[in-house]
Amino acid sequence: MELLELKQHIESFKPNTEFKYSLSYPFSWRGSYAEVAFEIVNEPSTREEILDRIELAYTKTFMGYKGGDYTYNDNTDVNFEEDTSSYTDGAYCARIISEIEGSKPYLSEEARLVGLAFTE
């Protein structure tokens, strides 16, 4: 997902829509500092609050975990991690999806795929 896609998805909801979850402030993703990351936060938020957080990704300059300054635009890839020092290669997303769905947690999408594909 690119930053513009995330922004447009949230904009597609009516003003003042309330969500069960929120986004953290944006940060430089450790997997590739040139990409932005957010944490999915388990606290209520509004459409406008989330859009404000997304807007920060466009307007601030971010420092990579090991240095360097980065700016983000519509075409910047979006990642989801727990914090600036994390690089889980999808495991964070898999865990959060499991929590939201109330399903069995998997350490990765690959483990989830194997668990779904090979059942009795």
Protein backbone atom coordinates (compact mmCIF):
# COMPACT_ATOMS: atom_id res chain seq x y z
CA MET A 1 0.00 0.00 0.00
CA GLU A 2 1.24 3.47 -0.82
CA LEU A 3 0.67 6.55 1.32
CA LEU A 4 -1.91 8.00 -1.08
CA GLU A 5 -3.93 4.74 -0.96
CA LEU A 6 -3.98 4.83 2.84
CA LYS A 7 -5.05 8.47 2.81
CA GLN A 8 -7.79 7.88 0.24
CA HIS A 9 -9.12 4.88 2.16
CA ILE A 10 -9.55 6.97 5.31
CA GLU A 11 -10.95 9.92 3.33
CA SER A 12 -13.63 7.60 1.89
CA PHE A 13 -15.39 7.55 5.26
CA LYS A 14 -17.86 10.24 6.29
CA PRO A 15 -16.51 13.15 8.36
CA ASN A 16 -16.38 12.39 12.10
CA THR A 17 -16.46 8.62 11.53
CA GLU A 18 -15.19 6.92 14.68
CA PHE A 19 -12.89 3.90 14.53
CA LYS A 20 -11.96 1.38 17.22
CA TYR A 21 -8.29 1.75 16.27
CA SER A 22 -5.93 4.61 15.54
CA LEU A 23 -2.57 5.20 13.89
CA SER A 24 0.58 6.22 15.70
CA TYR A 25 2.59 9.18 14.57
CA PRO A 26 4.48 8.22 11.40
CA PHE A 27 8.10 7.11 11.56
CA SER A 28 10.83 5.94 9.23
CA TRP A 29 10.53 2.17 8.67
CA ARG A 30 13.59 0.23 9.72
CA GLY A 31 13.16 -2.23 6.84
CA SER A 32 13.83 0.62 4.40
CA TYR A 33 14.23 4.11 5.81
CA ALA A 34 12.85 5.57 2.58
CA GLU A 35 9.46 4.04 3.51
CA VAL A 36 7.04 5.28 6.15
CA ALA A 37 5.61 3.21 8.99
CA PHE A 38 2.77 3.48 11.48
CA GLU A 39 1.69 1.42 14.46
CA ILE A 40 -1.95 0.32 14.71
CA VAL A 41 -2.98 1.61 18.13
CA ASN A 42 -5.78 -0.05 20.09
CA GLU A 43 -7.60 3.17 21.03
CA PRO A 44 -10.58 4.98 19.51
CA SER A 45 -9.98 7.70 16.95
CA THR A 46 -11.83 9.73 14.37
CA ARG A 47 -11.36 9.99 10.65
CA GLU A 48 -9.90 13.45 11.14
CA GLU A 49 -7.38 12.32 13.78
CA ILE A 50 -6.10 9.58 11.51
CA LEU A 51 -5.88 11.95 8.55
CA ASP A 52 -3.85 14.35 10.71
CA ARG A 53 -1.35 11.55 11.44
CA ILE A 54 -1.15 10.64 7.76
CA GLU A 55 -0.62 14.29 6.85
CA LEU A 56 2.43 14.40 9.13
CA ALA A 57 4.04 11.78 6.89
CA TYR A 58 3.82 14.28 4.02
CA THR A 59 5.01 17.37 5.89
CA LYS A 60 7.83 16.26 8.21
CA THR A 61 11.37 15.15 7.50
CA PHE A 62 12.16 11.84 9.19
CA MET A 63 15.45 10.43 10.36
CA GLY A 64 16.27 6.83 9.59
CA TYR A 65 17.00 4.49 12.50
CA LYS A 66 20.70 4.55 11.60
CA GLY A 67 20.69 8.09 10.23
CA GLY A 68 19.75 9.96 7.08
CA ASP A 69 16.84 12.30 6.41
CA TYR A 70 13.77 11.12 4.50
CA THR A 71 10.64 12.76 3.15
CA TYR A 72 7.55 10.92 1.98
CA ASN A 73 5.04 11.45 -0.82
CA ASP A 74 1.96 9.83 -2.41
CA ASN A 75 4.04 6.97 -3.84
CA THR A 76 5.85 6.09 -0.61
CA ASP A 77 5.24 2.52 0.57
CA VAL A 78 3.48 2.22 3.93
CA ASN A 79 4.48 -0.36 6.52
CA PHE A 80 3.09 -1.25 9.92
CA GLU A 81 5.40 -1.96 12.86
CA GLU A 82 5.28 -1.63 16.60
CA ASP A 83 7.99 1.03 16.89
CA THR A 84 10.90 2.69 15.15
CA SER A 85 13.37 -0.03 16.12
CA SER A 86 11.27 -2.93 14.78
CA TYR A 87 11.55 -4.80 11.52
CA THR A 88 9.30 -7.84 11.62
CA ASP A 89 8.89 -8.42 7.88
CA GLY A 90 5.12 -8.80 8.20
CA ALA A 91 4.92 -10.56 11.57
CA TYR A 92 3.54 -7.43 13.26
CA CYS A 93 0.75 -7.18 10.65
CA ALA A 94 -0.04 -10.87 11.06
CA ARG A 95 -0.29 -10.49 14.84
CA ILE A 96 -2.51 -7.41 14.68
CA ILE A 97 -4.79 -9.03 12.07
CA SER A 98 -5.17 -12.06 14.34
CA GLU A 99 -6.00 -9.83 17.30
CA ILE A 100 -8.61 -7.87 15.31
CA GLU A 101 -10.17 -11.04 13.87
CA GLY A 102 -9.95 -12.87 17.17
CA SER A 103 -8.26 -15.74 15.37
CA LYS A 104 -5.23 -17.91 16.07
CA PRO A 105 -2.06 -15.78 16.09
CA TYR A 106 0.64 -16.57 13.54
CA LEU A 107 4.20 -15.29 13.53
CA SER A 108 4.10 -14.55 9.82
CA GLU A 109 1.87 -14.60 6.77
CA GLU A 110 3.80 -17.65 5.59
CA ALA A 111 2.94 -19.52 8.82
CA ARG A 112 -0.68 -18.44 8.42
CA LEU A 113 -0.73 -19.68 4.81
CA VAL A 114 0.70 -23.07 5.78
CA GLY A 115 -1.78 -23.34 8.67
CA LEU A 116 -4.69 -22.62 6.33
CA ALA A 117 -3.50 -24.74 3.40
CA PHE A 118 -2.61 -27.88 5.29
CA THR A 119 -5.45 -28.84 7.59
CA GLU A 120 -7.24 -32.12 8.18
